[in-house]
Amino acid sequence: DLASEMAESHSAYKLAREVLKLRET
């Protein structure tokens, strides 16, 4: 469960960074 939560959190972080890059573009 902890590993799943960490993976989801990491995925959300990566997605947020990608969204920020797209907004800058």
PDB file of all heavy atoms in Angstrom:
ATOM      1  N   ASP A   1       0.833  -1.209   0.000  1.00  0.00           N
ATOM      2  CA  ASP A   1       0.000   0.000   0.000  1.00  0.00           C
ATOM      3  C   ASP A   1       0.868   1.259   0.000  1.00  0.00           C
ATOM      4  O   ASP A   1       0.591   2.213  -0.734  1.00  0.00           O
ATOM      5  CB  ASP A   1      -0.934   0.011   1.218  1.00  0.00           C
ATOM      6  CG  ASP A   1      -2.057  -0.999   1.106  1.00  0.00           C
ATOM      7  OD1 ASP A   1      -2.288  -1.509  -0.020  1.00  0.00           O
ATOM      8  OD2 ASP A   1      -2.703  -1.266   2.140  1.00  0.00           O
ATOM      9  N   LEU A   2       1.903   1.239   0.821  1.00  0.00           N
ATOM     10  CA  LEU A   2       2.806   2.382   0.885  1.00  0.00           C
ATOM     11  C   LEU A   2       3.520   2.586  -0.451  1.00  0.00           C
ATOM     12  O   LEU A   2       3.618   3.706  -0.951  1.00  0.00           O
ATOM     13  CB  LEU A   2       3.833   2.192   2.010  1.00  0.00           C
ATOM     14  CG  LEU A   2       4.810   3.340   2.238  1.00  0.00           C
ATOM     15  CD1 LEU A   2       4.069   4.638   2.534  1.00  0.00           C
ATOM     16  CD2 LEU A   2       5.754   2.997   3.375  1.00  0.00           C
ATOM     17  N   ALA A   3       3.958   1.514  -1.053  1.00  0.00           N
ATOM     18  CA  ALA A   3       4.616   1.606  -2.355  1.00  0.00           C
ATOM     19  C   ALA A   3       3.648   2.139  -3.412  1.00  0.00           C
ATOM     20  O   ALA A   3       4.027   2.955  -4.260  1.00  0.00           O
ATOM     21  CB  ALA A   3       5.164   0.243  -2.762  1.00  0.00           C
ATOM     22  N   SER A   4       2.405   1.698  -3.359  1.00  0.00           N
ATOM     23  CA  SER A   4       1.388   2.186  -4.298  1.00  0.00           C
ATOM     24  C   SER A   4       1.153   3.682  -4.116  1.00  0.00           C
ATOM     25  O   SER A   4       1.067   4.436  -5.089  1.00  0.00           O
ATOM     26  CB  SER A   4       0.073   1.438  -4.125  1.00  0.00           C
ATOM     27  OG  SER A   4       0.232   0.085  -4.483  1.00  0.00           O
ATOM     28  N   GLU A   5       1.057   4.117  -2.873  1.00  0.00           N
ATOM     29  CA  GLU A   5       0.861   5.538  -2.592  1.00  0.00           C
ATOM     30  C   GLU A   5       2.041   6.364  -3.102  1.00  0.00           C
ATOM     31  O   GLU A   5       1.860   7.436  -3.679  1.00  0.00           O
ATOM     32  CB  GLU A   5       0.682   5.767  -1.094  1.00  0.00           C
ATOM     33  CG  GLU A   5      -0.652   5.330  -0.560  1.00  0.00           C
ATOM     34  CD  GLU A   5      -0.743   5.505   0.947  1.00  0.00           C
ATOM     35  OE1 GLU A   5      -0.044   6.375   1.507  1.00  0.00           O
ATOM     36  OE2 GLU A   5      -1.525   4.765   1.568  1.00  0.00           O
ATOM     37  N   MET A   6       3.239   5.844  -2.885  1.00  0.00           N
ATOM     38  CA  MET A   6       4.432   6.556  -3.345  1.00  0.00           C
ATOM     39  C   MET A   6       4.467   6.631  -4.867  1.00  0.00           C
ATOM     40  O   MET A   6       4.807   7.666  -5.441  1.00  0.00           O
ATOM     41  CB  MET A   6       5.691   5.890  -2.801  1.00  0.00           C
ATOM     42  CG  MET A   6       5.855   6.057  -1.303  1.00  0.00           C
ATOM     43  SD  MET A   6       7.259   5.149  -0.633  1.00  0.00           S
ATOM     44  CE  MET A   6       8.629   6.046  -1.333  1.00  0.00           C
ATOM     45  N   ALA A   7       4.089   5.561  -5.528  1.00  0.00           N
ATOM     46  CA  ALA A   7       4.072   5.536  -6.994  1.00  0.00           C
ATOM     47  C   ALA A   7       3.039   6.526  -7.526  1.00  0.00           C
ATOM     48  O   ALA A   7       3.305   7.254  -8.482  1.00  0.00           O
ATOM     49  CB  ALA A   7       3.779   4.128  -7.498  1.00  0.00           C
ATOM     50  N   GLU A   8       1.861   6.559  -6.903  1.00  0.00           N
ATOM     51  CA  GLU A   8       0.835   7.508  -7.320  1.00  0.00           C
ATOM     52  C   GLU A   8       1.299   8.940  -7.110  1.00  0.00           C
ATOM     53  O   GLU A   8       1.101   9.804  -7.962  1.00  0.00           O
ATOM     54  CB  GLU A   8      -0.460   7.255  -6.552  1.00  0.00           C
ATOM     55  CG  GLU A   8      -1.187   6.008  -6.980  1.00  0.00           C
ATOM     56  CD  GLU A   8      -2.383   5.700  -6.096  1.00  0.00           C
ATOM     57  OE1 GLU A   8      -2.807   6.589  -5.315  1.00  0.00           O
ATOM     58  OE2 GLU A   8      -2.897   4.577  -6.184  1.00  0.00           O
ATOM     59  N   SER A   9       1.940   9.179  -5.987  1.00  0.00           N
ATOM     60  CA  SER A   9       2.446  10.515  -5.681  1.00  0.00           C
ATOM     61  C   SER A   9       3.509  10.927  -6.691  1.00  0.00           C
ATOM     62  O   SER A   9       3.523  12.053  -7.178  1.00  0.00           O
ATOM     63  CB  SER A   9       3.014  10.536  -4.257  1.00  0.00           C
ATOM     64  OG  SER A   9       3.479  11.813  -3.941  1.00  0.00           O
ATOM     65  N   HIS A  10       4.398   9.993  -7.016  1.00  0.00           N
ATOM     66  CA  HIS A  10       5.452  10.261  -7.997  1.00  0.00           C
ATOM     67  C   HIS A  10       4.845  10.541  -9.368  1.00  0.00           C
ATOM     68  O   HIS A  10       5.248  11.466 -10.070  1.00  0.00           O
ATOM     69  CB  HIS A  10       6.423   9.085  -8.059  1.00  0.00           C
ATOM     70  CG  HIS A  10       7.537   9.283  -9.030  1.00  0.00           C
ATOM     71  ND1 HIS A  10       8.541  10.189  -8.817  1.00  0.00           N
ATOM     72  CD2 HIS A  10       7.795   8.699 -10.228  1.00  0.00           C
ATOM     73  CE1 HIS A  10       9.378  10.163  -9.847  1.00  0.00           C
ATOM     74  NE2 HIS A  10       8.942   9.263 -10.712  1.00  0.00           N
ATOM     75  N   SER A  11       3.844   9.748  -9.741  1.00  0.00           N
ATOM     76  CA  SER A  11       3.170   9.948 -11.025  1.00  0.00           C
ATOM     77  C   SER A  11       2.481  11.304 -11.071  1.00  0.00           C
ATOM     78  O   SER A  11       2.535  12.001 -12.086  1.00  0.00           O
ATOM     79  CB  SER A  11       2.145   8.853 -11.280  1.00  0.00           C
ATOM     80  OG  SER A  11       2.802   7.611 -11.447  1.00  0.00           O
ATOM     81  N   ALA A  12       1.825  11.686  -9.985  1.00  0.00           N
ATOM     82  CA  ALA A  12       1.151  12.981  -9.929  1.00  0.00           C
ATOM     83  C   ALA A  12       2.171  14.114 -10.043  1.00  0.00           C
ATOM     84  O   ALA A  12       1.930  15.109 -10.732  1.00  0.00           O
ATOM     85  CB  ALA A  12       0.359  13.113  -8.633  1.00  0.00           C
ATOM     86  N   TYR A  13       3.318  13.956  -9.403  1.00  0.00           N
ATOM     87  CA  TYR A  13       4.380  14.961  -9.481  1.00  0.00           C
ATOM     88  C   TYR A  13       4.888  15.086 -10.904  1.00  0.00           C
ATOM     89  O   TYR A  13       5.041  16.194 -11.428  1.00  0.00           O
ATOM     90  CB  TYR A  13       5.516  14.581  -8.524  1.00  0.00           C
ATOM     91  CG  TYR A  13       6.720  15.470  -8.639  1.00  0.00           C
ATOM     92  CD1 TYR A  13       6.701  16.751  -8.104  1.00  0.00           C
ATOM     93  CD2 TYR A  13       7.873  15.027  -9.283  1.00  0.00           C
ATOM     94  CE1 TYR A  13       7.807  17.579  -8.205  1.00  0.00           C
ATOM     95  CE2 TYR A  13       8.982  15.846  -9.395  1.00  0.00           C
ATOM     96  CZ  TYR A  13       8.948  17.119  -8.850  1.00  0.00           C
ATOM     97  OH  TYR A  13      10.045  17.933  -8.963  1.00  0.00           O
ATOM     98  N   LYS A  14       5.132  13.944 -11.558  1.00  0.00           N
ATOM     99  CA  LYS A  14       5.610  13.972 -12.945  1.00  0.00           C
ATOM    100  C   LYS A  14       4.580  14.620 -13.859  1.00  0.00           C
ATOM    101  O   LYS A  14       4.921  15.399 -14.744  1.00  0.00           O
ATOM    102  CB  LYS A  14       5.939  12.563 -13.419  1.00  0.00           C
ATOM    103  CG  LYS A  14       7.240  12.002 -12.859  1.00  0.00           C
ATOM    104  CD  LYS A  14       7.487  10.579 -13.298  1.00  0.00           C
ATOM    105  CE  LYS A  14       7.734  10.513 -14.778  1.00  0.00           C
ATOM    106  NZ  LYS A  14       8.055   9.151 -15.251  1.00  0.00           N
ATOM    107  N   LEU A  15       3.322  14.297 -13.642  1.00  0.00           N
ATOM    108  CA  LEU A  15       2.259  14.868 -14.455  1.00  0.00           C
ATOM    109  C   LEU A  15       2.168  16.384 -14.247  1.00  0.00           C
ATOM    110  O   LEU A  15       2.031  17.145 -15.213  1.00  0.00           O
ATOM    111  CB  LEU A  15       0.922  14.207 -14.112  1.00  0.00           C
ATOM    112  CG  LEU A  15      -0.283  14.645 -14.929  1.00  0.00           C
ATOM    113  CD1 LEU A  15      -0.058  14.391 -16.419  1.00  0.00           C
ATOM    114  CD2 LEU A  15      -1.528  13.920 -14.453  1.00  0.00           C
ATOM    115  N   ALA A  16       2.276  16.819 -13.017  1.00  0.00           N
ATOM    116  CA  ALA A  16       2.230  18.256 -12.718  1.00  0.00           C
ATOM    117  C   ALA A  16       3.396  18.979 -13.387  1.00  0.00           C
ATOM    118  O   ALA A  16       3.226  20.080 -13.920  1.00  0.00           O
ATOM    119  CB  ALA A  16       2.257  18.484 -11.213  1.00  0.00           C
ATOM    120  N   ARG A  17       4.565  18.382 -13.378  1.00  0.00           N
ATOM    121  CA  ARG A  17       5.721  18.992 -14.051  1.00  0.00           C
ATOM    122  C   ARG A  17       5.500  19.079 -15.552  1.00  0.00           C
ATOM    123  O   ARG A  17       5.839  20.077 -16.182  1.00  0.00           O
ATOM    124  CB  ARG A  17       6.989  18.191 -13.762  1.00  0.00           C
ATOM    125  CG  ARG A  17       7.537  18.426 -12.360  1.00  0.00           C
ATOM    126  CD  ARG A  17       8.846  17.762 -12.157  1.00  0.00           C
ATOM    127  NE  ARG A  17       9.775  18.175 -13.216  1.00  0.00           N
ATOM    128  CZ  ARG A  17      11.037  17.843 -13.273  1.00  0.00           C
ATOM    129  NH1 ARG A  17      11.541  17.091 -12.334  1.00  0.00           N
ATOM    130  NH2 ARG A  17      11.812  18.240 -14.244  1.00  0.00           N
ATOM    131  N   GLU A  18       4.928  18.040 -16.124  1.00  0.00           N
ATOM    132  CA  GLU A  18       4.652  18.038 -17.560  1.00  0.00           C
ATOM    133  C   GLU A  18       3.622  19.105 -17.921  1.00  0.00           C
ATOM    134  O   GLU A  18       3.764  19.808 -18.917  1.00  0.00           O
ATOM    135  CB  GLU A  18       4.164  16.651 -17.999  1.00  0.00           C
ATOM    136  CG  GLU A  18       4.112  16.464 -19.482  1.00  0.00           C
ATOM    137  CD  GLU A  18       5.464  16.579 -20.174  1.00  0.00           C
ATOM    138  OE1 GLU A  18       6.500  16.248 -19.564  1.00  0.00           O
ATOM    139  OE2 GLU A  18       5.475  17.020 -21.335  1.00  0.00           O
ATOM    140  N   VAL A  19       2.605  19.250 -17.085  1.00  0.00           N
ATOM    141  CA  VAL A  19       1.594  20.287 -17.309  1.00  0.00           C
ATOM    142  C   VAL A  19       2.242  21.669 -17.246  1.00  0.00           C
ATOM    143  O   VAL A  19       1.959  22.537 -18.081  1.00  0.00           O
ATOM    144  CB  VAL A  19       0.441  20.164 -16.281  1.00  0.00           C
ATOM    145  CG1 VAL A  19      -0.441  21.399 -16.284  1.00  0.00           C
ATOM    146  CG2 VAL A  19      -0.387  18.919 -16.563  1.00  0.00           C
ATOM    147  N   LEU A  20       3.116  21.884 -16.287  1.00  0.00           N
ATOM    148  CA  LEU A  20       3.809  23.163 -16.175  1.00  0.00           C
ATOM    149  C   LEU A  20       4.647  23.447 -17.424  1.00  0.00           C
ATOM    150  O   LEU A  20       4.621  24.558 -17.959  1.00  0.00           O
ATOM    151  CB  LEU A  20       4.699  23.174 -14.930  1.00  0.00           C
ATOM    152  CG  LEU A  20       5.473  24.456 -14.675  1.00  0.00           C
ATOM    153  CD1 LEU A  20       4.537  25.648 -14.525  1.00  0.00           C
ATOM    154  CD2 LEU A  20       6.346  24.308 -13.443  1.00  0.00           C
ATOM    155  N   LYS A  21       5.364  22.437 -17.905  1.00  0.00           N
ATOM    156  CA  LYS A  21       6.154  22.608 -19.127  1.00  0.00           C
ATOM    157  C   LYS A  21       5.260  22.963 -20.310  1.00  0.00           C
ATOM    158  O   LYS A  21       5.597  23.822 -21.118  1.00  0.00           O
ATOM    159  CB  LYS A  21       6.939  21.328 -19.448  1.00  0.00           C
ATOM    160  CG  LYS A  21       8.122  21.080 -18.554  1.00  0.00           C
ATOM    161  CD  LYS A  21       8.813  19.779 -18.971  1.00  0.00           C
ATOM    162  CE  LYS A  21       9.848  19.349 -17.979  1.00  0.00           C
ATOM    163  NZ  LYS A  21      10.461  18.064 -18.357  1.00  0.00           N
ATOM    164  N   LEU A  22       4.122  22.294 -20.416  1.00  0.00           N
ATOM    165  CA  LEU A  22       3.196  22.569 -21.510  1.00  0.00           C
ATOM    166  C   LEU A  22       2.631  23.984 -21.415  1.00  0.00           C
ATOM    167  O   LEU A  22       2.498  24.676 -22.426  1.00  0.00           O
ATOM    168  CB  LEU A  22       2.067  21.541 -21.538  1.00  0.00           C
ATOM    169  CG  LEU A  22       2.485  20.138 -21.965  1.00  0.00           C
ATOM    170  CD1 LEU A  22       1.331  19.160 -21.757  1.00  0.00           C
ATOM    171  CD2 LEU A  22       2.932  20.120 -23.414  1.00  0.00           C
ATOM    172  N   ARG A  23       2.338  24.427 -20.203  1.00  0.00           N
ATOM    173  CA  ARG A  23       1.840  25.795 -20.019  1.00  0.00           C
ATOM    174  C   ARG A  23       2.897  26.817 -20.440  1.00  0.00           C
ATOM    175  O   ARG A  23       2.573  27.833 -21.052  1.00  0.00           O
ATOM    176  CB  ARG A  23       1.436  26.030 -18.574  1.00  0.00           C
ATOM    177  CG  ARG A  23       0.134  25.358 -18.215  1.00  0.00           C
ATOM    178  CD  ARG A  23      -0.281  25.650 -16.800  1.00  0.00           C
ATOM    179  NE  ARG A  23      -1.552  25.030 -16.511  1.00  0.00           N
ATOM    180  CZ  ARG A  23      -2.044  24.893 -15.299  1.00  0.00           C
ATOM    181  NH1 ARG A  23      -1.366  25.325 -14.254  1.00  0.00           N
ATOM    182  NH2 ARG A  23      -3.213  24.326 -15.121  1.00  0.00           N
ATOM    183  N   GLU A  24       4.141  26.546 -20.103  1.00  0.00           N
ATOM    184  CA  GLU A  24       5.227  27.450 -20.502  1.00  0.00           C
ATOM    185  C   GLU A  24       5.368  27.466 -22.022  1.00  0.00           C
ATOM    186  O   GLU A  24       5.571  28.526 -22.625  1.00  0.00           O
ATOM    187  CB  GLU A  24       6.537  27.030 -19.844  1.00  0.00           C
ATOM    188  CG  GLU A  24       6.567  27.274 -18.355  1.00  0.00           C
ATOM    189  CD  GLU A  24       7.790  26.662 -17.670  1.00  0.00           C
ATOM    190  OE1 GLU A  24       8.558  25.934 -18.325  1.00  0.00           O
ATOM    191  OE2 GLU A  24       7.958  26.934 -16.468  1.00  0.00           O
ATOM    192  N   THR A  25       5.239  26.298 -22.646  1.00  0.00           N
ATOM    193  CA  THR A  25       5.317  26.215 -24.106  1.00  0.00           C
ATOM    194  C   THR A  25       4.178  27.001 -24.740  1.00  0.00           C
ATOM    195  O   THR A  25       4.391  27.757 -25.698  1.00  0.00           O
ATOM    196  CB  THR A  25       5.267  24.746 -24.566  1.00  0.00           C
ATOM    197  OG1 THR A  25       6.388  24.055 -24.007  1.00  0.00           O
ATOM    198  CG2 THR A  25       5.305  24.626 -26.069  1.00  0.00           C
TER     199      THR A  25
END
